[in-house]
Amino acid sequence: MRIMLAPMEGVVEHHVRDILSRIGGLDGCVTEFIRVTDQKLPYKVFYKYAQELESDCKTPNGTPVRVQLLGSRPEPMAINALELVRYGAKAIDLNFGCPAKTVNSHEGGACLLRTPDRVYSIIKAVRDAVPRDIPVTAKIRLGYEDRSSYLDNARAVEAAGADELTVHARSKADGYKPPAYWSYIADIRAELKIPVIANGEIWSVEDYLRCREQSNGADVMLGRGLLACPDLARQIKAHIKGEDYTPLIWSQICNMLYDYYKLTTPLYCERNCGNRVKQWLMYLSREYPQAAIFFEAIKRKTTPQEIDGCFIDALQACN
């Protein structure tokens, strides 16, 4: 079994990939998408989203990182994929799952699932452009307006030469509303010869076990569930292996967040210095009641001094 970290735009940047991979249980990560239009992108754009290009495309603890591209035209996607490989990318992932209106209105992400032939053309162009030893993978949803095209798109991905497919088990119209339709992934796994990774609505070990049963496979990708429970991958693997494992407690999570805050504060103007921490606290509130309390204390704080004070109070309350 493998557990991958999902590419969440505006959330899972390289600091988060580092933190979550150090906690353990992850077999790989995917970057936020890099948007491709009609130009060859400069290195600084690739580096902004994939700083692991400077470290053999691995997080500091050695977890492999795939670089994700999003676009609607085969030729520019192929050109930029090849550029990424020249800059050190070890695997290219292609985004056909983003449901954002701004992305879909520019013919990117999930809207391409309306036309499986376009999915095929983009993947084939990239596969033909990059060396054979560089994996080309893709991420799709079950469809756009509905889930009726899920097999057509999955077949297109494999026929175009992709090495692996991740399936978010909802359509674009489904958004992120429960449930995830994992049984559709079982149909895809039965049709395809390439590996298929299940994604969507895995918040706990119990969810993982249900997903594994319904999707007929062990490989999964975790997104929001891993942000809510940062050691979820470790919990799942310990359960499967029959190992004893003590989940992280709030004091450990709070220290992790404080380290993250100190790392990222220099990257933002003063009034935005705590935004990423506040965003993460919203996810953590699902698993840790203390996170909701901490969020209420910190949500209106805007200066480093105020936020530092909230962290010190929170950490002292843990002792």
C-alpha atoms as a PDB file:
ATOM      1  CA  MET A   1       0.000   0.000   0.000  1.00  0.00           C
ATOM      2  CA  ARG A   2       1.059   3.557  -0.669  1.00  0.00           C
ATOM      3  CA  ILE A   3      -0.174   6.811   0.825  1.00  0.00           C
ATOM      4  CA  MET A   4       0.329  10.038  -1.116  1.00  0.00           C
ATOM      5  CA  LEU A   5      -0.130  13.680  -0.060  1.00  0.00           C
ATOM      6  CA  ALA A   6      -2.617  15.486  -2.311  1.00  0.00           C
ATOM      7  CA  PRO A   7      -1.841  18.735  -4.174  1.00  0.00           C
ATOM      8  CA  MET A   8      -4.059  21.348  -2.499  1.00  0.00           C
ATOM      9  CA  GLU A   9      -3.816  24.782  -4.097  1.00  0.00           C
ATOM     10  CA  GLY A  10      -2.866  27.546  -1.680  1.00  0.00           C
ATOM     11  CA  VAL A  11      -2.424  25.076   1.173  1.00  0.00           C
ATOM     12  CA  VAL A  12       0.135  22.332   0.604  1.00  0.00           C
ATOM     13  CA  GLU A  13       3.261  24.324  -0.194  1.00  0.00           C
ATOM     14  CA  HIS A  14       6.777  23.054   0.413  1.00  0.00           C
ATOM     15  CA  HIS A  15       6.843  23.849   4.145  1.00  0.00           C
ATOM     16  CA  VAL A  16       3.685  21.784   4.673  1.00  0.00           C
ATOM     17  CA  ARG A  17       5.073  18.958   2.537  1.00  0.00           C
ATOM     18  CA  ASP A  18       8.185  18.996   4.711  1.00  0.00           C
ATOM     19  CA  ILE A  19       6.251  18.926   7.992  1.00  0.00           C
ATOM     20  CA  LEU A  20       3.796  16.195   6.988  1.00  0.00           C
ATOM     21  CA  SER A  21       6.437  13.979   5.411  1.00  0.00           C
ATOM     22  CA  ARG A  22       8.600  14.273   8.561  1.00  0.00           C
ATOM     23  CA  ILE A  23       5.677  13.120  10.702  1.00  0.00           C
ATOM     24  CA  GLY A  24       5.755   9.977   8.588  1.00  0.00           C
ATOM     25  CA  GLY A  25       3.646   7.456   6.725  1.00  0.00           C
ATOM     26  CA  LEU A  26       3.797   9.206   3.348  1.00  0.00           C
ATOM     27  CA  ASP A  27       5.255   7.581   0.240  1.00  0.00           C
ATOM     28  CA  GLY A  28       5.108  10.681  -1.954  1.00  0.00           C
ATOM     29  CA  CYS A  29       3.812  14.217  -2.397  1.00  0.00           C
ATOM     30  CA  VAL A  30       2.439  16.241  -5.302  1.00  0.00           C
ATOM     31  CA  THR A  31       2.984  19.990  -5.612  1.00  0.00           C
ATOM     32  CA  GLU A  32       0.294  22.592  -6.043  1.00  0.00           C
ATOM     33  CA  PHE A  33      -0.492  22.963  -9.731  1.00  0.00           C
ATOM     34  CA  ILE A  34       1.645  25.176 -11.954  1.00  0.00           C
ATOM     35  CA  ARG A  35      -0.595  26.860 -14.502  1.00  0.00           C
ATOM     36  CA  VAL A  36       0.507  26.573 -18.129  1.00  0.00           C
ATOM     37  CA  THR A  37      -0.918  28.846 -20.843  1.00  0.00           C
ATOM     38  CA  ASP A  38       0.962  29.216 -24.120  1.00  0.00           C
ATOM     39  CA  GLN A  39       4.483  30.105 -22.995  1.00  0.00           C
ATOM     40  CA  LYS A  40       7.560  28.327 -21.739  1.00  0.00           C
ATOM     41  CA  LEU A  41       7.723  29.208 -18.065  1.00  0.00           C
ATOM     42  CA  PRO A  42      10.934  30.477 -16.443  1.00  0.00           C
ATOM     43  CA  TYR A  43      12.672  28.542 -13.693  1.00  0.00           C
ATOM     44  CA  LYS A  44      11.552  30.999 -11.001  1.00  0.00           C
ATOM     45  CA  VAL A  45       7.909  30.012 -11.590  1.00  0.00           C
ATOM     46  CA  PHE A  46       8.667  26.302 -11.298  1.00  0.00           C
ATOM     47  CA  TYR A  47      10.781  26.928  -8.202  1.00  0.00           C
ATOM     48  CA  LYS A  48       8.020  28.957  -6.529  1.00  0.00           C
ATOM     49  CA  TYR A  49       5.794  25.877  -6.438  1.00  0.00           C
ATOM     50  CA  ALA A  50       8.427  23.139  -6.334  1.00  0.00           C
ATOM     51  CA  GLN A  51      11.392  24.212  -4.236  1.00  0.00           C
ATOM     52  CA  GLU A  52      12.305  20.536  -3.981  1.00  0.00           C
ATOM     53  CA  LEU A  53      13.754  20.908  -7.492  1.00  0.00           C
ATOM     54  CA  GLU A  54      16.880  22.033  -5.625  1.00  0.00           C
ATOM     55  CA  SER A  55      17.029  18.794  -3.597  1.00  0.00           C
ATOM     56  CA  ASP A  56      16.573  15.968  -6.108  1.00  0.00           C
ATOM     57  CA  CYS A  57      12.784  16.461  -5.966  1.00  0.00           C
ATOM     58  CA  LYS A  58      12.560  15.149  -2.429  1.00  0.00           C
ATOM     59  CA  THR A  59      11.453  16.669   0.844  1.00  0.00           C
ATOM     60  CA  PRO A  60      14.183  17.072   3.489  1.00  0.00           C
ATOM     61  CA  ASN A  61      13.394  13.607   4.895  1.00  0.00           C
ATOM     62  CA  GLY A  62      13.690  12.020   1.427  1.00  0.00           C
ATOM     63  CA  THR A  63      10.025  11.696   0.420  1.00  0.00           C
ATOM     64  CA  PRO A  64       9.659  11.938  -3.395  1.00  0.00           C
ATOM     65  CA  VAL A  65       7.792  14.938  -4.819  1.00  0.00           C
ATOM     66  CA  ARG A  66       5.974  14.986  -8.162  1.00  0.00           C
ATOM     67  CA  VAL A  67       5.555  18.347  -9.894  1.00  0.00           C
ATOM     68  CA  GLN A  68       2.028  19.063 -11.137  1.00  0.00           C
ATOM     69  CA  LEU A  69       1.055  21.010 -14.258  1.00  0.00           C
ATOM     70  CA  LEU A  70      -2.375  22.321 -15.211  1.00  0.00           C
ATOM     71  CA  GLY A  71      -3.290  23.498 -18.696  1.00  0.00           C
ATOM     72  CA  SER A  72      -5.525  22.861 -21.683  1.00  0.00           C
ATOM     73  CA  ARG A  73      -3.182  22.807 -24.683  1.00  0.00           C
ATOM     74  CA  PRO A  74      -1.008  19.774 -25.451  1.00  0.00           C
ATOM     75  CA  GLU A  75       2.003  21.538 -26.973  1.00  0.00           C
ATOM     76  CA  PRO A  76       2.649  24.075 -24.176  1.00  0.00           C
ATOM     77  CA  MET A  77       2.079  21.369 -21.580  1.00  0.00           C
ATOM     78  CA  ALA A  78       4.641  19.152 -23.287  1.00  0.00           C
ATOM     79  CA  ILE A  79       7.181  21.962 -23.611  1.00  0.00           C
ATOM     80  CA  ASN A  80       6.893  22.907 -19.950  1.00  0.00           C
ATOM     81  CA  ALA A  81       6.975  19.297 -18.790  1.00  0.00           C
ATOM     82  CA  LEU A  82      10.255  18.836 -20.643  1.00  0.00           C
ATOM     83  CA  GLU A  83      11.599  22.054 -19.096  1.00  0.00           C
ATOM     84  CA  LEU A  84      10.729  20.729 -15.659  1.00  0.00           C
ATOM     85  CA  VAL A  85      12.629  17.528 -16.347  1.00  0.00           C
ATOM     86  CA  ARG A  86      15.645  19.564 -17.462  1.00  0.00           C
ATOM     87  CA  TYR A  87      15.441  21.437 -14.169  1.00  0.00           C
ATOM     88  CA  GLY A  88      15.402  18.203 -12.195  1.00  0.00           C
ATOM     89  CA  ALA A  89      11.786  16.988 -11.945  1.00  0.00           C
ATOM     90  CA  LYS A  90      11.647  13.212 -11.400  1.00  0.00           C
ATOM     91  CA  ALA A  91       7.916  12.802 -12.153  1.00  0.00           C
ATOM     92  CA  ILE A  92       5.248  14.936 -13.844  1.00  0.00           C
ATOM     93  CA  ASP A  93       1.631  14.956 -12.652  1.00  0.00           C
ATOM     94  CA  LEU A  94      -1.190  16.416 -14.772  1.00  0.00           C
ATOM     95  CA  ASN A  95      -4.244  18.060 -13.206  1.00  0.00           C
ATOM     96  CA  PHE A  96      -7.686  17.190 -14.589  1.00  0.00           C
ATOM     97  CA  GLY A  97      -9.465  17.472 -11.268  1.00  0.00           C
ATOM     98  CA  CYS A  98      -9.411  21.083 -10.055  1.00  0.00           C
ATOM     99  CA  PRO A  99     -13.053  22.251  -9.654  1.00  0.00           C
ATOM    100  CA  ALA A 100     -12.313  25.982  -9.177  1.00  0.00           C
ATOM    101  CA  LYS A 101     -14.446  28.265 -11.358  1.00  0.00           C
ATOM    102  CA  THR A 102     -11.500  30.479 -12.301  1.00  0.00           C
ATOM    103  CA  VAL A 103      -9.578  27.425 -13.502  1.00  0.00           C
ATOM    104  CA  ASN A 104     -12.490  25.805 -15.330  1.00  0.00           C
ATOM    105  CA  SER A 105     -13.477  29.075 -17.044  1.00  0.00           C
ATOM    106  CA  HIS A 106     -10.022  29.095 -18.650  1.00  0.00           C
ATOM    107  CA  GLU A 107     -10.377  25.496 -19.844  1.00  0.00           C
ATOM    108  CA  GLY A 108      -8.243  23.908 -17.174  1.00  0.00           C
ATOM    109  CA  GLY A 109      -8.757  21.283 -14.522  1.00  0.00           C
ATOM    110  CA  ALA A 110     -12.011  19.316 -14.246  1.00  0.00           C
ATOM    111  CA  CYS A 111     -13.741  20.955 -17.228  1.00  0.00           C
ATOM    112  CA  LEU A 112     -11.499  18.907 -19.533  1.00  0.00           C
ATOM    113  CA  LEU A 113     -13.294  15.778 -18.333  1.00  0.00           C
ATOM    114  CA  ARG A 114     -16.180  16.752 -20.630  1.00  0.00           C
ATOM    115  CA  THR A 115     -13.938  15.789 -23.552  1.00  0.00           C
ATOM    116  CA  PRO A 116     -11.870  12.642 -22.897  1.00  0.00           C
ATOM    117  CA  ASP A 117     -10.096  13.112 -26.224  1.00  0.00           C
ATOM    118  CA  ARG A 118      -8.543  16.332 -24.897  1.00  0.00           C
ATOM    119  CA  VAL A 119      -7.417  14.522 -21.758  1.00  0.00           C
ATOM    120  CA  TYR A 120      -5.821  11.934 -24.032  1.00  0.00           C
ATOM    121  CA  SER A 121      -4.114  14.547 -26.238  1.00  0.00           C
ATOM    122  CA  ILE A 122      -2.551  16.430 -23.319  1.00  0.00           C
ATOM    123  CA  ILE A 123      -1.240  13.318 -21.598  1.00  0.00           C
ATOM    124  CA  LYS A 124       0.084  11.821 -24.832  1.00  0.00           C
ATOM    125  CA  ALA A 125       1.905  15.043 -25.741  1.00  0.00           C
ATOM    126  CA  VAL A 126       3.603  15.124 -22.344  1.00  0.00           C
ATOM    127  CA  ARG A 127       4.367  11.403 -22.375  1.00  0.00           C
ATOM    128  CA  ASP A 128       5.955  11.710 -25.840  1.00  0.00           C
ATOM    129  CA  ALA A 129       7.987  14.773 -24.804  1.00  0.00           C
ATOM    130  CA  VAL A 130       9.655  13.576 -21.617  1.00  0.00           C
ATOM    131  CA  PRO A 131      12.110  10.676 -21.248  1.00  0.00           C
ATOM    132  CA  ARG A 132      10.578   7.249 -20.766  1.00  0.00           C
ATOM    133  CA  ASP A 133      12.091   6.871 -17.300  1.00  0.00           C
ATOM    134  CA  ILE A 134      10.200   9.939 -16.050  1.00  0.00           C
ATOM    135  CA  PRO A 135       6.772   8.855 -14.751  1.00  0.00           C
ATOM    136  CA  VAL A 136       3.808  10.805 -16.118  1.00  0.00           C
ATOM    137  CA  THR A 137       0.783  10.576 -13.844  1.00  0.00           C
ATOM    138  CA  ALA A 138      -2.679  12.149 -13.883  1.00  0.00           C
ATOM    139  CA  LYS A 139      -5.394  13.118 -11.416  1.00  0.00           C
ATOM    140  CA  ILE A 140      -9.055  13.188 -12.425  1.00  0.00           C
ATOM    141  CA  ARG A 141     -12.490  13.405 -10.886  1.00  0.00           C
ATOM    142  CA  LEU A 142     -15.345  11.083 -11.834  1.00  0.00           C
ATOM    143  CA  GLY A 143     -16.703  13.638 -14.279  1.00  0.00           C
ATOM    144  CA  TYR A 144     -17.812  17.224 -14.697  1.00  0.00           C
ATOM    145  CA  GLU A 145     -21.592  17.769 -14.653  1.00  0.00           C
ATOM    146  CA  ASP A 146     -22.127  14.179 -13.488  1.00  0.00           C
ATOM    147  CA  ARG A 147     -20.234  10.916 -13.062  1.00  0.00           C
ATOM    148  CA  SER A 148     -21.212   9.265 -16.344  1.00  0.00           C
ATOM    149  CA  SER A 149     -17.861   9.752 -18.107  1.00  0.00           C
ATOM    150  CA  TYR A 150     -15.630   8.252 -15.434  1.00  0.00           C
ATOM    151  CA  LEU A 151     -14.598   5.179 -17.399  1.00  0.00           C
ATOM    152  CA  ASP A 152     -14.112   7.104 -20.652  1.00  0.00           C
ATOM    153  CA  ASN A 153     -11.675   9.476 -18.956  1.00  0.00           C
ATOM    154  CA  ALA A 154      -9.861   6.709 -17.106  1.00  0.00           C
ATOM    155  CA  ARG A 155      -9.407   4.764 -20.345  1.00  0.00           C
ATOM    156  CA  ALA A 156      -8.129   7.915 -22.064  1.00  0.00           C
ATOM    157  CA  VAL A 157      -5.522   8.401 -19.337  1.00  0.00           C
ATOM    158  CA  GLU A 158      -4.180   4.873 -19.763  1.00  0.00           C
ATOM    159  CA  ALA A 159      -4.351   4.891 -23.571  1.00  0.00           C
ATOM    160  CA  ALA A 160      -2.319   8.117 -23.676  1.00  0.00           C
ATOM    161  CA  GLY A 161       0.531   6.420 -21.867  1.00  0.00           C
ATOM    162  CA  ALA A 162       0.195   7.615 -18.278  1.00  0.00           C
ATOM    163  CA  ASP A 163       2.023   5.509 -15.710  1.00  0.00           C
ATOM    164  CA  GLU A 164      -0.506   5.999 -12.922  1.00  0.00           C
ATOM    165  CA  LEU A 165      -3.919   7.537 -12.234  1.00  0.00           C
ATOM    166  CA  THR A 166      -5.331   9.171  -9.108  1.00  0.00           C
ATOM    167  CA  VAL A 167      -9.123   9.440  -8.918  1.00  0.00           C
ATOM    168  CA  HIS A 168     -10.938  11.900  -6.680  1.00  0.00           C
ATOM    169  CA  ALA A 169     -14.151   9.960  -6.169  1.00  0.00           C
ATOM    170  CA  ARG A 170     -16.563  12.810  -6.941  1.00  0.00           C
ATOM    171  CA  SER A 171     -17.558  14.806  -9.992  1.00  0.00           C
ATOM    172  CA  LYS A 172     -16.934  18.526 -10.312  1.00  0.00           C
ATOM    173  CA  ALA A 173     -20.641  19.089  -9.619  1.00  0.00           C
ATOM    174  CA  ASP A 174     -20.328  17.053  -6.419  1.00  0.00           C
ATOM    175  CA  GLY A 175     -17.674  19.496  -5.190  1.00  0.00           C
ATOM    176  CA  TYR A 176     -16.383  18.400  -1.801  1.00  0.00           C
ATOM    177  CA  LYS A 177     -19.739  17.323  -0.380  1.00  0.00           C
ATOM    178  CA  PRO A 178     -19.876  13.863   1.213  1.00  0.00           C
ATOM    179  CA  PRO A 179     -19.982  11.114   0.254  1.00  0.00           C
ATOM    180  CA  ALA A 180     -17.091  10.076  -1.943  1.00  0.00           C
ATOM    181  CA  TYR A 181     -18.146   7.440  -4.478  1.00  0.00           C
ATOM    182  CA  TRP A 182     -15.295   4.972  -3.947  1.00  0.00           C
ATOM    183  CA  SER A 183     -17.050   2.089  -5.717  1.00  0.00           C
ATOM    184  CA  TYR A 184     -16.521   3.847  -9.046  1.00  0.00           C
ATOM    185  CA  ILE A 185     -12.791   3.472  -8.471  1.00  0.00           C
ATOM    186  CA  ALA A 186     -13.243  -0.301  -8.216  1.00  0.00           C
ATOM    187  CA  ASP A 187     -14.714  -0.220 -11.739  1.00  0.00           C
ATOM    188  CA  ILE A 188     -11.728   1.799 -12.957  1.00  0.00           C
ATOM    189  CA  ARG A 189      -9.249  -0.565 -11.320  1.00  0.00           C
ATOM    190  CA  ALA A 190     -10.983  -3.480 -13.012  1.00  0.00           C
ATOM    191  CA  GLU A 191     -10.617  -1.794 -16.431  1.00  0.00           C
ATOM    192  CA  LEU A 192      -7.060  -0.420 -16.221  1.00  0.00           C
ATOM    193  CA  LYS A 193      -3.700  -2.127 -16.034  1.00  0.00           C
ATOM    194  CA  ILE A 194      -1.870   0.895 -14.578  1.00  0.00           C
ATOM    195  CA  PRO A 195      -1.929   1.607 -10.812  1.00  0.00           C
ATOM    196  CA  VAL A 196      -4.938   3.598  -9.561  1.00  0.00           C
ATOM    197  CA  ILE A 197      -4.903   5.675  -6.369  1.00  0.00           C
ATOM    198  CA  ALA A 198      -8.139   6.483  -4.526  1.00  0.00           C
ATOM    199  CA  ASN A 199      -8.761   9.999  -3.183  1.00  0.00           C
ATOM    200  CA  GLY A 200     -11.567  11.735  -1.359  1.00  0.00           C
ATOM    201  CA  GLU A 201     -13.265  11.814   2.069  1.00  0.00           C
ATOM    202  CA  ILE A 202     -10.660   9.802   3.996  1.00  0.00           C
ATOM    203  CA  TRP A 203     -10.589  11.394   7.441  1.00  0.00           C
ATOM    204  CA  SER A 204      -9.790   8.393   9.655  1.00  0.00           C
ATOM    205  CA  VAL A 205      -8.450   4.858   9.722  1.00  0.00           C
ATOM    206  CA  GLU A 206     -12.038   3.638   9.509  1.00  0.00           C
ATOM    207  CA  ASP A 207     -12.610   5.724   6.376  1.00  0.00           C
ATOM    208  CA  TYR A 208      -9.466   4.251   4.857  1.00  0.00           C
ATOM    209  CA  LEU A 209     -10.671   0.713   5.511  1.00  0.00           C
ATOM    210  CA  ARG A 210     -14.061   1.445   3.915  1.00  0.00           C
ATOM    211  CA  CYS A 211     -12.358   3.090   0.947  1.00  0.00           C
ATOM    212  CA  ARG A 212     -10.045   0.113   0.511  1.00  0.00           C
ATOM    213  CA  GLU A 213     -12.980  -2.282   0.551  1.00  0.00           C
ATOM    214  CA  GLN A 214     -15.212  -0.269  -1.793  1.00  0.00           C
ATOM    215  CA  SER A 215     -12.467   0.780  -4.226  1.00  0.00           C
ATOM    216  CA  ASN A 216     -10.853  -2.668  -4.246  1.00  0.00           C
ATOM    217  CA  GLY A 217      -7.356  -1.324  -3.694  1.00  0.00           C
ATOM    218  CA  ALA A 218      -4.980  -0.199  -0.967  1.00  0.00           C
ATOM    219  CA  ASP A 219      -3.312   2.902  -2.472  1.00  0.00           C
ATOM    220  CA  VAL A 220      -4.779   6.247  -1.405  1.00  0.00           C
ATOM    221  CA  MET A 221      -4.105   9.970  -1.573  1.00  0.00           C
ATOM    222  CA  LEU A 222      -4.882  12.104   1.486  1.00  0.00           C
ATOM    223  CA  GLY A 223      -5.668  15.817   1.383  1.00  0.00           C
ATOM    224  CA  ARG A 224      -7.936  17.534   3.877  1.00  0.00           C
ATOM    225  CA  GLY A 225      -7.898  14.437   6.090  1.00  0.00           C
ATOM    226  CA  LEU A 226      -4.141  14.749   6.580  1.00  0.00           C
ATOM    227  CA  LEU A 227      -4.382  18.458   7.375  1.00  0.00           C
ATOM    228  CA  ALA A 228      -7.038  17.700   9.998  1.00  0.00           C
ATOM    229  CA  CYS A 229      -5.035  14.789  11.414  1.00  0.00           C
ATOM    230  CA  PRO A 230      -1.362  15.248  10.471  1.00  0.00           C
ATOM    231  CA  ASP A 231      -0.351  11.730  11.495  1.00  0.00           C
ATOM    232  CA  LEU A 232      -3.260   9.996   9.749  1.00  0.00           C
ATOM    233  CA  ALA A 233      -0.897   8.264   7.311  1.00  0.00           C
ATOM    234  CA  ARG A 234       1.089   6.847  10.230  1.00  0.00           C
ATOM    235  CA  GLN A 235      -2.093   5.738  11.975  1.00  0.00           C
ATOM    236  CA  ILE A 236      -3.271   3.917   8.853  1.00  0.00           C
ATOM    237  CA  LYS A 237       0.027   2.142   8.284  1.00  0.00           C
ATOM    238  CA  ALA A 238       0.357   1.150  11.936  1.00  0.00           C
ATOM    239  CA  HIS A 239      -3.150  -0.315  11.860  1.00  0.00           C
ATOM    240  CA  ILE A 240      -2.494  -2.290   8.685  1.00  0.00           C
ATOM    241  CA  LYS A 241       0.792  -3.636  10.052  1.00  0.00           C
ATOM    242  CA  GLY A 242      -0.694  -4.405  13.468  1.00  0.00           C
ATOM    243  CA  GLU A 243       1.800  -2.105  15.180  1.00  0.00           C
ATOM    244  CA  ASP A 244       1.265  -0.087  18.349  1.00  0.00           C
ATOM    245  CA  TYR A 245       1.109   3.637  17.683  1.00  0.00           C
ATOM    246  CA  THR A 246       0.145   6.564  19.909  1.00  0.00           C
ATOM    247  CA  PRO A 247      -1.483   9.376  17.887  1.00  0.00           C
ATOM    248  CA  LEU A 248      -0.148  12.906  18.197  1.00  0.00           C
ATOM    249  CA  ILE A 249      -1.655  14.949  21.012  1.00  0.00           C
ATOM    250  CA  TRP A 250      -2.554  18.633  20.904  1.00  0.00           C
ATOM    251  CA  SER A 251       0.676  19.863  22.549  1.00  0.00           C
ATOM    252  CA  GLN A 252       2.683  18.209  19.747  1.00  0.00           C
ATOM    253  CA  ILE A 253       0.415  19.692  17.101  1.00  0.00           C
ATOM    254  CA  CYS A 254       0.639  23.142  18.682  1.00  0.00           C
ATOM    255  CA  ASN A 255       4.454  22.977  18.700  1.00  0.00           C
ATOM    256  CA  MET A 256       4.367  21.871  15.057  1.00  0.00           C
ATOM    257  CA  LEU A 257       2.166  24.841  14.164  1.00  0.00           C
ATOM    258  CA  TYR A 258       4.412  27.257  16.025  1.00  0.00           C
ATOM    259  CA  ASP A 259       7.447  26.011  14.113  1.00  0.00           C
ATOM    260  CA  TYR A 260       5.479  26.400  10.866  1.00  0.00           C
ATOM    261  CA  TYR A 261       4.445  29.921  11.855  1.00  0.00           C
ATOM    262  CA  LYS A 262       8.040  30.963  12.592  1.00  0.00           C
ATOM    263  CA  LEU A 263       9.218  29.505   9.282  1.00  0.00           C
ATOM    264  CA  THR A 264       6.589  31.261   7.178  1.00  0.00           C
ATOM    265  CA  THR A 265       6.241  34.628   8.957  1.00  0.00           C
ATOM    266  CA  PRO A 266       9.134  36.241   7.003  1.00  0.00           C
ATOM    267  CA  LEU A 267       7.400  35.363   3.714  1.00  0.00           C
ATOM    268  CA  TYR A 268       4.350  37.592   4.242  1.00  0.00           C
ATOM    269  CA  CYS A 269       3.618  41.196   5.046  1.00  0.00           C
ATOM    270  CA  GLU A 270       2.914  41.800   8.712  1.00  0.00           C
ATOM    271  CA  ARG A 271      -0.876  41.899   8.488  1.00  0.00           C
ATOM    272  CA  ASN A 272      -0.956  38.489   6.741  1.00  0.00           C
ATOM    273  CA  CYS A 273       1.692  36.755   8.829  1.00  0.00           C
ATOM    274  CA  GLY A 274      -0.749  34.419  10.602  1.00  0.00           C
ATOM    275  CA  ASN A 275      -3.062  33.577   7.698  1.00  0.00           C
ATOM    276  CA  ARG A 276      -1.577  30.171   6.902  1.00  0.00           C
ATOM    277  CA  VAL A 277      -1.724  29.101  10.560  1.00  0.00           C
ATOM    278  CA  LYS A 278      -5.343  30.250  10.832  1.00  0.00           C
ATOM    279  CA  GLN A 279      -6.176  28.294   7.688  1.00  0.00           C
ATOM    280  CA  TRP A 280      -4.583  25.135   9.074  1.00  0.00           C
ATOM    281  CA  LEU A 281      -6.367  25.555  12.408  1.00  0.00           C
ATOM    282  CA  MET A 282      -9.700  25.364  10.590  1.00  0.00           C
ATOM    283  CA  TYR A 283      -8.809  21.877   9.391  1.00  0.00           C
ATOM    284  CA  LEU A 284      -7.324  20.817  12.730  1.00  0.00           C
ATOM    285  CA  SER A 285     -10.519  21.851  14.532  1.00  0.00           C
ATOM    286  CA  ARG A 286     -12.177  18.752  13.117  1.00  0.00           C
ATOM    287  CA  GLU A 287      -9.825  16.473  15.065  1.00  0.00           C
ATOM    288  CA  TYR A 288      -8.657  18.624  17.989  1.00  0.00           C
ATOM    289  CA  PRO A 289     -11.159  20.675  20.055  1.00  0.00           C
ATOM    290  CA  GLN A 290      -8.243  22.783  21.339  1.00  0.00           C
ATOM    291  CA  ALA A 291      -7.589  23.949  17.784  1.00  0.00           C
ATOM    292  CA  ALA A 292     -11.035  25.569  17.630  1.00  0.00           C
ATOM    293  CA  ILE A 293     -10.354  27.361  20.927  1.00  0.00           C
ATOM    294  CA  PHE A 294      -6.952  28.512  19.704  1.00  0.00           C
ATOM    295  CA  PHE A 295      -8.474  29.731  16.441  1.00  0.00           C
ATOM    296  CA  GLU A 296     -10.942  31.919  18.346  1.00  0.00           C
ATOM    297  CA  ALA A 297      -8.038  33.414  20.304  1.00  0.00           C
ATOM    298  CA  ILE A 298      -5.913  34.093  17.232  1.00  0.00           C
ATOM    299  CA  LYS A 299      -8.356  34.863  14.418  1.00  0.00           C
ATOM    300  CA  ARG A 300      -8.338  38.669  14.846  1.00  0.00           C
ATOM    301  CA  LYS A 301      -4.639  38.964  15.662  1.00  0.00           C
ATOM    302  CA  THR A 302      -2.581  40.531  12.893  1.00  0.00           C
ATOM    303  CA  THR A 303       0.886  41.348  14.252  1.00  0.00           C
ATOM    304  CA  PRO A 304       3.724  38.898  14.955  1.00  0.00           C
ATOM    305  CA  GLN A 305       3.830  40.055  18.569  1.00  0.00           C
ATOM    306  CA  GLU A 306       0.125  39.317  19.113  1.00  0.00           C
ATOM    307  CA  ILE A 307       0.311  35.911  17.422  1.00  0.00           C
ATOM    308  CA  ASP A 308       3.483  34.964  19.308  1.00  0.00           C
ATOM    309  CA  GLY A 309       1.670  35.792  22.534  1.00  0.00           C
ATOM    310  CA  CYS A 310      -1.252  33.544  21.600  1.00  0.00           C
ATOM    311  CA  PHE A 311       1.119  30.683  20.840  1.00  0.00           C
ATOM    312  CA  ILE A 312       2.949  31.090  24.156  1.00  0.00           C
ATOM    313  CA  ASP A 313      -0.386  31.077  26.028  1.00  0.00           C
ATOM    314  CA  ALA A 314      -1.545  27.989  24.121  1.00  0.00           C
ATOM    315  CA  LEU A 315       1.687  26.102  24.742  1.00  0.00           C
ATOM    316  CA  GLN A 316       1.677  26.994  28.451  1.00  0.00           C
ATOM    317  CA  ALA A 317      -1.903  25.714  28.681  1.00  0.00           C
ATOM    318  CA  CYS A 318      -0.658  22.359  27.382  1.00  0.00           C
ATOM    319  CA  ASN A 319       1.705  21.935  30.342  1.00  0.00           C
END
